[in-house]
Amino acid sequence: MSAEHDLNPGLPRGRLVPMALALVVLLSACSFAPVYERPEAPVPSRFADDTAAATASGLPSWSEFVGDARLRELIRLSLANNRDLRLALANVDLVRAQFRIQRANELPTVNVGATGSRQSREGGDIASAYTAGLMVSAWEVDFFGRLASLSDAALAQFFASEEAARAAQTSLVAAVASTWLSLQVDDELLTLTRSTLQTREDALRLTRLRFDNGAASALDVRQAESLTATARATLAQQQRQRTQRLNALTLLAGQAVPESLLPAPTAPSSPAPLAEVPAGLPSDLLERRPDIRQAEQQLKAANANIGAARAAFFPRISLTASLGSASTELSGLFRDGSWGFSLAPQAMLPIFDLGRNQAALDASKVSRDAAVTQYEKAIQTAFREVSDALAGRATLNDQLAAQEALVQAEAERLRLADLRYRNGVASFLDVLDAQRSLFAARQALSQTRLARQLNQVDLYRALGGGWSPDAQVQRDSPAGRS
């Protein structure tokens, strides 16, 4: 139904407009969205590692977590140039604009317009009508909170996009740190393999000389050739691996990595200084992990969409209004006494829509249930990642100590085997076998040191990275950004 009121200038229109606006404000406060309640975390209350801290404690920022100055500078370079992070930040701007569009629907759009018409009547007369002024066309008065629920959903999606950008930043920091540390170990392994290859080539030349003089057997020569070929193949494999690792680092940095930011080829194998990472409780992950916060915001958006779907069952009221001048002659459009305004409200109540609104409501409820499942899955994934990292931290130190002891034992074994061989007590095969075992042990030691460093990075990333209970990330107002 619709009704229109044309008021002459002499009528008391000044009282009607404020009363109508007050009524709109009162009625538009209604909402059919369910009250949001955070689901229970479907994980144990503690991690399996009993050494984890019992209370939440702040994580250092990435610049404090990474102690190497070259790596810190490389991470800053990556944060400024990585294309995946740029896309995530661009998506934040996109969703912010979409929220502002949705929120604008709650308020009327006021236009300045002018109309004119001429119509013939019986008897050949021509009727003219001209209007000019401010016009509001089909503004939906949000009596039942449909538009407000849609705005709430858009706002939650904006917050979700911000959390996605934070998750992308945390993943980028972890990826750059892991790749850089791996490249450092690649350089160390290349140095070790080149040294081993040189030693084996010297041993091969000596063995061939001894064979020519009848002091060594053909088996000794073949064994020395086998070890030399193995070292040469290992060197080629490690060179290829280092090149591919550098390519990956270049992609993460978004540009060619300056030579000054790469690990030094002669860098020691000791781990880069990384800050200790306190674990806290599983409940802390709800505040630390950006992907969990993103899933919760998406759940809030789905919850708000239910309110919009419920409001669709009720009348949709729109208002068309104008305020300006009207005249039957163009020359008299702005004369005194030609001013007035009109109001034309309209209400539409759905009666028969083939179940469209009910289907929309059912779909919004299913989407909310799916969002709950996704939120719970994000928590379980985070719990598993932190538990795995804690398990690694608990055992890698013991593994590293054992590996260092193994290297010392193999080095002493090689010394004794070489001494026995020089004194004619043992065969040259004992020396070659000791060389092979020592080379393998040193490689394993480098890999174990790398695994311990990567475990620290993984734990930092799994816990959310850079979180502090005293310095929560402050969101920018989506309405205040242009």
Protein backbone atom coordinates (compact mmCIF):
# COMPACT_ATOMS: atom_id res chain seq x y z
CA MET A 1 0.00 0.00 0.00
CA SER A 2 1.12 3.55 -0.55
CA ALA A 3 0.01 7.01 0.45
CA GLU A 4 1.18 10.40 -0.66
CA HIS A 5 0.77 13.77 1.01
CA ASP A 6 1.25 17.02 -0.87
CA LEU A 7 1.44 19.86 1.60
CA ASN A 8 0.97 23.51 0.71
CA PRO A 9 3.38 26.07 2.14
CA GLY A 10 0.78 27.26 4.59
CA LEU A 11 0.50 23.94 6.46
CA PRO A 12 2.62 23.25 9.61
CA ARG A 13 5.13 20.92 7.92
CA GLY A 14 7.94 21.82 10.37
CA ARG A 15 6.46 19.51 13.03
CA LEU A 16 5.84 16.50 10.84
CA VAL A 17 9.38 15.91 9.63
CA PRO A 18 11.06 15.69 13.10
CA MET A 19 8.29 13.40 14.33
CA ALA A 20 8.72 11.10 11.33
CA LEU A 21 12.51 10.97 11.80
CA ALA A 22 12.12 10.14 15.50
CA LEU A 23 9.73 7.31 14.66
CA VAL A 24 12.21 5.91 12.13
CA VAL A 25 15.03 5.92 14.69
CA LEU A 26 12.91 4.11 17.29
CA LEU A 27 11.64 1.41 14.96
CA SER A 28 14.95 0.79 13.21
CA ALA A 29 16.54 -0.45 16.44
CA CYS A 30 14.87 -3.87 16.00
CA SER A 31 17.10 -6.84 15.11
CA PHE A 32 16.40 -10.53 14.48
CA ALA A 33 20.02 -11.67 14.53
CA PRO A 34 20.75 -14.46 17.08
CA VAL A 35 22.81 -13.45 20.11
CA TYR A 36 26.41 -14.42 19.32
CA GLU A 37 28.11 -16.85 21.69
CA ARG A 38 31.66 -18.06 21.12
CA PRO A 39 31.70 -21.88 20.73
CA GLU A 40 33.70 -23.94 23.19
CA ALA A 41 37.21 -24.81 22.05
CA PRO A 42 37.17 -28.52 21.04
CA VAL A 43 40.70 -29.21 22.36
CA PRO A 44 42.20 -30.27 25.71
CA SER A 45 42.80 -27.55 28.31
CA ARG A 46 46.57 -28.16 28.28
CA PHE A 47 49.22 -29.16 25.77
CA ALA A 48 50.76 -32.60 26.10
CA ASP A 49 54.10 -30.96 26.89
CA ASP A 50 53.96 -30.30 30.64
CA THR A 51 56.84 -27.85 30.38
CA ALA A 52 54.53 -25.31 28.71
CA ALA A 53 53.80 -22.20 30.74
CA ALA A 54 50.54 -22.30 32.66
CA THR A 55 49.60 -18.71 31.96
CA ALA A 56 49.57 -16.55 28.88
CA SER A 57 52.69 -14.56 28.28
CA GLY A 58 53.50 -12.17 25.48
CA LEU A 59 55.37 -13.28 22.43
CA PRO A 60 58.14 -11.01 21.17
CA SER A 61 57.63 -9.14 17.94
CA TRP A 62 59.35 -10.68 14.94
CA SER A 63 62.09 -8.02 15.05
CA GLU A 64 62.86 -9.08 18.63
CA PHE A 65 62.48 -12.78 17.88
CA VAL A 66 65.05 -12.69 15.04
CA GLY A 67 68.50 -11.75 16.31
CA ASP A 68 70.49 -11.72 13.06
CA ALA A 69 70.62 -8.19 11.60
CA ARG A 70 70.80 -9.43 7.99
CA LEU A 71 67.76 -11.63 8.42
CA ARG A 72 65.80 -8.81 10.07
CA GLU A 73 66.55 -6.50 7.17
CA LEU A 74 65.56 -9.19 4.67
CA ILE A 75 62.23 -9.69 6.46
CA ARG A 76 61.56 -5.94 6.30
CA LEU A 77 62.32 -6.05 2.59
CA SER A 78 59.92 -8.95 2.12
CA LEU A 79 57.11 -7.27 4.06
CA ALA A 80 57.41 -4.29 1.73
CA ASN A 81 57.64 -6.19 -1.57
CA ASN A 82 56.04 -9.63 -1.27
CA ARG A 83 53.18 -9.87 -3.78
CA ASP A 84 51.04 -12.31 -1.78
CA LEU A 85 51.05 -9.92 1.17
CA ARG A 86 50.18 -7.03 -1.14
CA LEU A 87 47.17 -8.98 -2.39
CA ALA A 88 46.05 -9.66 1.18
CA LEU A 89 46.32 -5.97 2.05
CA ALA A 90 44.49 -4.99 -1.15
CA ASN A 91 41.70 -7.36 -0.16
CA VAL A 92 41.40 -5.52 3.17
CA ASP A 93 40.85 -2.26 1.28
CA LEU A 94 38.32 -3.96 -0.99
CA VAL A 95 36.27 -5.39 1.88
CA ARG A 96 36.47 -2.05 3.70
CA ALA A 97 34.91 -0.34 0.67
CA GLN A 98 32.21 -3.01 0.47
CA PHE A 99 31.34 -2.39 4.13
CA ARG A 100 31.06 1.35 3.54
CA ILE A 101 28.73 0.70 0.60
CA GLN A 102 26.55 -1.58 2.72
CA ARG A 103 26.45 0.83 5.64
CA ALA A 104 25.47 3.68 3.31
CA ASN A 105 22.29 1.76 2.46
CA GLU A 106 21.01 2.42 5.99
CA LEU A 107 20.79 6.17 5.35
CA PRO A 108 18.80 7.99 2.67
CA THR A 109 20.48 9.20 -0.49
CA VAL A 110 19.61 12.83 -1.10
CA ASN A 111 19.79 14.12 -4.66
CA VAL A 112 19.20 17.49 -6.25
CA GLY A 113 16.90 17.14 -9.23
CA ALA A 114 14.50 18.90 -11.51
CA THR A 115 11.59 17.49 -13.49
CA GLY A 116 9.23 18.86 -16.08
CA SER A 117 6.23 17.45 -17.92
CA ARG A 118 3.67 18.61 -20.46
CA GLN A 119 0.48 16.67 -21.05
CA SER A 120 -2.44 17.30 -23.42
CA ARG A 121 -5.95 17.29 -22.00
CA GLU A 122 -9.45 17.23 -23.49
CA GLY A 123 -10.18 20.33 -25.42
CA GLY A 124 -6.61 20.64 -26.64
CA ASP A 125 -5.24 22.33 -23.54
CA ILE A 126 -1.67 21.58 -22.49
CA ALA A 127 -1.02 21.00 -18.75
CA SER A 128 2.52 21.77 -17.56
CA ALA A 129 4.21 20.82 -14.26
CA TYR A 130 7.72 21.69 -13.12
CA THR A 131 9.49 20.74 -9.89
CA ALA A 132 12.98 21.31 -8.51
CA GLY A 133 14.58 20.58 -5.15
CA LEU A 134 15.94 17.81 -2.90
CA MET A 135 14.72 14.29 -3.54
CA VAL A 136 14.95 10.96 -1.68
CA SER A 137 14.07 7.96 -3.83
CA ALA A 138 12.88 4.65 -2.35
CA TRP A 139 14.85 4.81 0.89
CA GLU A 140 14.29 1.59 2.84
CA VAL A 141 13.39 2.36 6.44
CA ASP A 142 15.11 -0.40 8.41
CA PHE A 143 12.26 -1.16 10.82
CA PHE A 144 13.23 -4.82 11.29
CA GLY A 145 17.03 -4.58 11.18
CA ARG A 146 17.62 -6.18 7.76
CA LEU A 147 20.07 -3.52 6.62
CA ALA A 148 21.71 -3.29 10.05
CA SER A 149 22.30 -7.07 10.03
CA LEU A 150 23.83 -6.86 6.56
CA SER A 151 26.09 -4.04 7.79
CA ASP A 152 27.13 -6.14 10.80
CA ALA A 153 27.97 -9.01 8.46
CA ALA A 154 29.99 -6.71 6.20
CA LEU A 155 31.86 -5.30 9.22
CA ALA A 156 32.72 -8.82 10.42
CA GLN A 157 33.98 -9.68 6.94
CA PHE A 158 36.18 -6.59 7.06
CA PHE A 159 37.67 -7.68 10.38
CA ALA A 160 38.14 -11.18 8.93
CA SER A 161 40.09 -9.74 5.99
CA GLU A 162 42.34 -7.87 8.44
CA GLU A 163 43.04 -11.10 10.30
CA ALA A 164 43.78 -12.84 7.00
CA ALA A 165 46.34 -10.14 6.22
CA ARG A 166 47.93 -10.61 9.65
CA ALA A 167 48.06 -14.37 9.08
CA ALA A 168 49.73 -13.76 5.71
CA GLN A 169 52.31 -11.51 7.36
CA THR A 170 53.06 -14.07 10.07
CA SER A 171 53.43 -16.84 7.48
CA LEU A 172 55.70 -14.63 5.36
CA VAL A 173 57.99 -13.85 8.30
CA ALA A 174 58.22 -17.56 9.13
CA ALA A 175 58.83 -18.55 5.50
CA VAL A 176 61.60 -15.99 5.01
CA ALA A 177 63.29 -16.97 8.28
CA SER A 178 63.06 -20.70 7.51
CA THR A 179 64.37 -20.30 3.96
CA TRP A 180 67.21 -18.02 5.05
CA LEU A 181 68.29 -20.44 7.80
CA SER A 182 68.10 -23.34 5.35
CA LEU A 183 70.26 -21.39 2.92
CA GLN A 184 72.77 -20.84 5.68
CA VAL A 185 73.00 -24.59 6.26
CA ASP A 186 73.24 -25.18 2.50
CA ASP A 187 76.37 -23.01 2.46
CA GLU A 188 77.77 -24.94 5.39
CA LEU A 189 77.10 -28.29 3.71
CA LEU A 190 78.68 -27.07 0.48
CA THR A 191 81.83 -26.09 2.38
CA LEU A 192 81.89 -29.49 4.11
CA THR A 193 81.32 -31.40 0.87
CA ARG A 194 83.98 -29.46 -1.07
CA SER A 195 86.47 -30.16 1.69
CA THR A 196 85.51 -33.84 1.75
CA LEU A 197 85.74 -34.10 -2.03
CA GLN A 198 89.21 -32.57 -1.99
CA THR A 199 90.31 -35.04 0.68
CA ARG A 200 88.90 -38.00 -1.24
CA GLU A 201 90.49 -36.92 -4.51
CA ASP A 202 93.85 -36.69 -2.73
CA ALA A 203 93.26 -40.13 -1.22
CA LEU A 204 92.33 -41.52 -4.63
CA ARG A 205 95.54 -40.20 -6.20
CA LEU A 206 97.56 -41.69 -3.35
CA THR A 207 95.77 -45.04 -3.64
CA ARG A 208 96.38 -45.21 -7.38
CA LEU A 209 100.05 -44.43 -6.81
CA ARG A 210 100.27 -47.17 -4.20
CA PHE A 211 98.47 -49.55 -6.57
CA ASP A 212 100.96 -48.77 -9.34
CA ASN A 213 103.74 -49.63 -6.90
CA GLY A 214 102.04 -52.80 -5.72
CA ALA A 215 101.30 -51.49 -2.25
CA ALA A 216 97.48 -51.37 -2.67
CA SER A 217 94.91 -53.66 -4.24
CA ALA A 218 92.44 -52.95 -7.04
CA LEU A 219 89.67 -53.16 -4.44
CA ASP A 220 91.25 -50.24 -2.57
CA VAL A 221 91.27 -48.21 -5.78
CA ARG A 222 87.60 -48.97 -6.58
CA GLN A 223 86.57 -48.15 -3.05
CA ALA A 224 88.36 -44.79 -3.21
CA GLU A 225 86.80 -44.08 -6.61
CA SER A 226 83.34 -44.88 -5.23
CA LEU A 227 83.72 -42.51 -2.30
CA THR A 228 85.04 -39.75 -4.57
CA ALA A 229 82.14 -40.14 -7.00
CA THR A 230 79.68 -40.09 -4.11
CA ALA A 231 81.11 -36.84 -2.80
CA ARG A 232 81.05 -35.32 -6.30
CA ALA A 233 77.38 -36.31 -6.75
CA THR A 234 76.51 -34.93 -3.32
CA LEU A 235 78.18 -31.64 -4.20
CA ALA A 236 76.16 -31.30 -7.42
CA GLN A 237 72.94 -32.07 -5.53
CA GLN A 238 73.70 -29.50 -2.85
CA GLN A 239 74.58 -26.84 -5.43
CA ARG A 240 71.24 -27.41 -7.13
CA GLN A 241 69.43 -27.30 -3.80
CA ARG A 242 71.10 -24.02 -2.83
CA THR A 243 70.15 -22.41 -6.15
CA GLN A 244 66.54 -23.47 -5.76
CA ARG A 245 66.50 -22.21 -2.17
CA LEU A 246 67.83 -18.84 -3.31
CA ASN A 247 65.11 -18.70 -5.98
CA ALA A 248 62.49 -19.34 -3.29
CA LEU A 249 63.98 -16.59 -1.13
CA THR A 250 63.89 -14.19 -4.08
CA LEU A 251 60.20 -14.93 -4.61
CA LEU A 252 59.44 -14.33 -0.93
CA ALA A 253 61.40 -11.07 -0.92
CA GLY A 254 59.64 -9.87 -4.07
CA GLN A 255 62.94 -8.82 -5.65
CA ALA A 256 66.54 -9.94 -6.04
CA VAL A 257 68.06 -10.47 -2.61
CA PRO A 258 71.07 -8.20 -2.02
CA GLU A 259 74.28 -10.12 -1.50
CA SER A 260 74.81 -8.32 1.80
CA LEU A 261 71.64 -9.89 3.23
CA LEU A 262 72.55 -13.48 2.36
CA PRO A 263 74.21 -15.77 4.92
CA ALA A 264 77.99 -15.63 4.69
CA PRO A 265 79.42 -18.73 2.93
CA THR A 266 81.75 -19.29 5.88
CA ALA A 267 79.06 -18.71 8.52
CA PRO A 268 79.40 -21.04 11.50
CA SER A 269 76.85 -23.77 11.96
CA SER A 270 75.68 -22.42 15.31
CA PRO A 271 71.99 -21.48 15.25
CA ALA A 272 70.99 -17.88 14.66
CA PRO A 273 69.98 -16.15 17.88
CA LEU A 274 66.23 -16.66 18.23
CA ALA A 275 64.25 -15.63 21.28
CA GLU A 276 62.66 -18.26 23.48
CA VAL A 277 58.96 -18.81 22.76
CA PRO A 278 56.62 -19.31 25.76
CA ALA A 279 53.75 -21.60 24.83
CA GLY A 280 50.97 -20.74 27.30
CA LEU A 281 47.62 -22.56 27.26
CA PRO A 282 45.48 -23.68 24.30
CA SER A 283 42.92 -20.98 25.17
CA ASP A 284 45.59 -18.35 24.47
CA LEU A 285 45.51 -19.35 20.80
CA LEU A 286 42.02 -17.85 20.49
CA GLU A 287 43.58 -14.42 20.98
CA ARG A 288 46.96 -15.04 19.34
CA ARG A 289 46.26 -16.86 16.08
CA PRO A 290 45.06 -14.61 13.25
CA ASP A 291 43.49 -17.53 11.37
CA ILE A 292 41.37 -18.42 14.42
CA ARG A 293 40.29 -14.81 14.82
CA GLN A 294 39.51 -14.73 11.10
CA ALA A 295 37.32 -17.83 11.41
CA GLU A 296 35.49 -16.28 14.38
CA GLN A 297 34.78 -13.08 12.44
CA GLN A 298 33.41 -15.15 9.57
CA LEU A 299 31.19 -16.92 12.12
CA LYS A 300 29.92 -13.55 13.34
CA ALA A 301 29.17 -12.56 9.75
CA ALA A 302 27.18 -15.75 9.21
CA ASN A 303 25.31 -15.09 12.46
CA ALA A 304 24.36 -11.59 11.30
CA ASN A 305 23.16 -12.93 7.93
CA ILE A 306 20.57 -14.99 9.79
CA GLY A 307 19.12 -11.76 11.16
CA ALA A 308 18.88 -10.32 7.65
CA ALA A 309 17.19 -13.50 6.38
CA ARG A 310 14.65 -13.43 9.23
CA ALA A 311 13.86 -9.77 8.62
CA ALA A 312 12.96 -10.60 5.00
CA PHE A 313 9.71 -12.20 6.27
CA PHE A 314 8.46 -8.85 7.53
CA PRO A 315 7.24 -5.84 5.57
CA ARG A 316 9.84 -3.85 3.70
CA ILE A 317 9.02 -0.17 4.08
CA SER A 318 10.46 2.41 1.73
CA LEU A 319 10.06 6.16 1.60
CA THR A 320 10.19 8.55 -1.31
CA ALA A 321 10.24 12.23 -0.44
CA SER A 322 10.98 15.58 -1.99
CA LEU A 323 11.40 19.12 -0.74
CA GLY A 324 11.51 22.02 -3.16
CA SER A 325 9.51 24.17 -5.50
CA ALA A 326 6.64 23.26 -7.83
CA SER A 327 4.91 25.37 -10.48
CA THR A 328 2.80 25.05 -13.61
CA GLU A 329 5.10 27.50 -15.33
CA LEU A 330 8.85 27.27 -15.65
CA SER A 331 9.24 30.98 -15.00
CA GLY A 332 7.40 30.68 -11.70
CA LEU A 333 9.38 27.73 -10.35
CA PHE A 334 11.23 29.66 -7.66
CA ARG A 335 8.67 32.35 -6.82
CA ASP A 336 7.36 32.88 -3.31
CA GLY A 337 4.54 30.54 -2.43
CA SER A 338 5.74 27.71 -4.70
CA TRP A 339 7.65 25.80 -2.01
CA GLY A 340 6.43 22.53 -0.51
CA PHE A 341 7.32 18.88 0.10
CA SER A 342 5.87 15.44 -0.45
CA LEU A 343 6.12 12.11 1.38
CA ALA A 344 5.28 8.79 -0.26
CA PRO A 345 5.81 5.78 2.06
CA GLN A 346 5.33 2.26 0.71
CA ALA A 347 5.13 -1.07 2.52
CA MET A 348 5.57 -4.47 0.81
CA LEU A 349 4.76 -7.67 2.71
CA PRO A 350 5.79 -10.98 1.11
CA ILE A 351 2.80 -13.34 0.80
CA PHE A 352 3.73 -15.88 -1.87
CA ASP A 353 7.35 -16.24 -3.03
CA LEU A 354 7.62 -20.01 -3.69
CA GLY A 355 9.57 -20.46 -0.44
CA ARG A 356 12.38 -18.10 -1.47
CA ASN A 357 12.68 -16.38 1.91
CA GLN A 358 12.48 -19.66 3.82
CA ALA A 359 15.18 -21.14 1.61
CA ALA A 360 17.35 -18.07 2.20
CA LEU A 361 16.89 -18.46 5.95
CA ASP A 362 17.74 -22.16 5.80
CA ALA A 363 20.84 -21.38 3.73
CA SER A 364 21.99 -18.75 6.23
CA LYS A 365 21.60 -21.24 9.11
CA VAL A 366 23.57 -23.88 7.23
CA SER A 367 26.27 -21.28 6.51
CA ARG A 368 26.40 -20.45 10.21
CA ASP A 369 26.78 -24.17 11.10
CA ALA A 370 29.55 -24.48 8.49
CA ALA A 371 31.27 -21.41 9.96
CA VAL A 372 31.14 -23.00 13.42
CA THR A 373 32.76 -26.14 12.01
CA GLN A 374 35.44 -24.09 10.27
CA TYR A 375 36.13 -22.19 13.49
CA GLU A 376 36.49 -25.41 15.47
CA LYS A 377 38.71 -26.90 12.77
CA ALA A 378 40.97 -23.83 12.91
CA ILE A 379 41.35 -24.30 16.68
CA GLN A 380 42.12 -28.01 16.32
CA THR A 381 44.66 -27.34 13.57
CA ALA A 382 46.38 -24.71 15.70
CA PHE A 383 46.45 -27.07 18.69
CA ARG A 384 48.03 -29.81 16.59
CA GLU A 385 50.67 -27.46 15.13
CA VAL A 386 51.67 -26.12 18.54
CA SER A 387 51.74 -29.63 20.04
CA ASP A 388 53.99 -30.87 17.22
CA ALA A 389 56.35 -27.93 17.67
CA LEU A 390 56.49 -28.47 21.44
CA ALA A 391 57.25 -32.16 20.89
CA GLY A 392 60.10 -31.15 18.60
CA ARG A 393 61.46 -28.68 21.12
CA ALA A 394 61.43 -31.34 23.83
CA THR A 395 63.48 -33.85 21.81
CA LEU A 396 65.65 -31.92 19.34
CA ASN A 397 68.09 -30.72 22.00
CA ASP A 398 68.71 -34.33 23.06
CA GLN A 399 69.05 -35.38 19.42
CA LEU A 400 71.54 -32.58 18.77
CA ALA A 401 73.66 -33.53 21.78
CA ALA A 402 73.72 -37.16 20.63
CA GLN A 403 74.63 -36.13 17.10
CA GLU A 404 77.52 -33.97 18.34
CA ALA A 405 78.79 -36.93 20.38
CA LEU A 406 78.53 -39.11 17.27
CA VAL A 407 80.64 -36.67 15.23
CA GLN A 408 83.32 -36.66 17.93
CA ALA A 409 83.32 -40.44 18.04
CA GLU A 410 83.56 -40.77 14.24
CA ALA A 411 86.37 -38.20 14.11
CA GLU A 412 88.33 -40.18 16.69
CA ARG A 413 87.56 -43.39 14.83
CA LEU A 414 89.01 -41.91 11.63
CA ARG A 415 92.12 -40.76 13.46
CA LEU A 416 92.70 -44.22 14.92
CA ALA A 417 91.95 -46.00 11.63
CA ASP A 418 94.42 -43.79 9.78
CA LEU A 419 97.03 -44.37 12.49
CA ARG A 420 96.54 -48.15 12.32
CA TYR A 421 96.71 -48.06 8.53
CA ARG A 422 99.97 -46.10 8.54
CA ASN A 423 101.45 -48.61 10.94
CA GLY A 424 100.30 -51.51 8.78
CA VAL A 425 97.87 -52.88 11.36
CA ALA A 426 94.62 -52.14 9.43
CA SER A 427 93.62 -52.02 5.79
CA PHE A 428 92.87 -48.90 3.78
CA LEU A 429 89.21 -49.96 3.64
CA ASP A 430 88.94 -49.20 7.37
CA VAL A 431 90.14 -45.64 6.70
CA LEU A 432 87.69 -45.15 3.82
CA ASP A 433 84.80 -46.50 5.86
CA ALA A 434 85.67 -44.14 8.72
CA GLN A 435 85.82 -41.20 6.29
CA ARG A 436 82.40 -42.08 4.91
CA SER A 437 80.85 -42.38 8.37
CA LEU A 438 82.35 -39.09 9.55
CA PHE A 439 81.06 -37.26 6.46
CA ALA A 440 77.55 -38.62 6.99
CA ALA A 441 77.65 -37.75 10.70
CA ARG A 442 78.70 -34.16 10.00
CA GLN A 443 75.93 -33.76 7.44
CA ALA A 444 73.40 -35.13 9.90
CA LEU A 445 74.69 -32.73 12.57
CA SER A 446 74.11 -29.74 10.28
CA GLN A 447 70.61 -30.97 9.44
CA THR A 448 69.79 -31.46 13.13
CA ARG A 449 70.94 -27.94 13.96
CA LEU A 450 68.75 -26.66 11.15
CA ALA A 451 65.80 -28.72 12.42
CA ARG A 452 66.15 -27.13 15.86
CA GLN A 453 66.17 -23.62 14.36
CA LEU A 454 63.18 -24.37 12.12
CA ASN A 455 61.34 -25.80 15.11
CA GLN A 456 61.70 -22.47 16.91
CA VAL A 457 60.34 -20.67 13.87
CA ASP A 458 57.45 -23.15 13.55
CA LEU A 459 56.51 -22.75 17.20
CA TYR A 460 56.60 -18.96 16.88
CA ARG A 461 54.35 -19.11 13.82
CA ALA A 462 52.00 -21.71 15.34
CA LEU A 463 51.45 -19.52 18.40
CA GLY A 464 50.43 -16.56 16.24
CA GLY A 465 53.68 -14.60 16.23
CA GLY A 466 54.25 -11.14 17.67
CA TRP A 467 51.29 -11.26 20.09
CA SER A 468 51.34 -9.38 23.38
CA PRO A 469 48.55 -9.21 25.99
CA ASP A 470 49.47 -5.57 26.74
CA ALA A 471 49.58 -4.45 23.11
CA GLN A 472 46.59 -5.82 21.25
CA VAL A 473 46.42 -4.92 17.61
CA GLN A 474 44.20 -1.89 17.17
CA ARG A 475 41.93 -2.06 14.17
CA ASP A 476 41.44 1.01 12.02
CA SER A 477 37.85 2.14 11.71
CA PRO A 478 36.65 0.93 8.31
CA ALA A 479 34.46 4.00 8.01
CA GLY A 480 37.31 6.38 8.62
CA ARG A 481 39.49 5.21 5.77
CA SER A 482 38.96 6.50 2.26
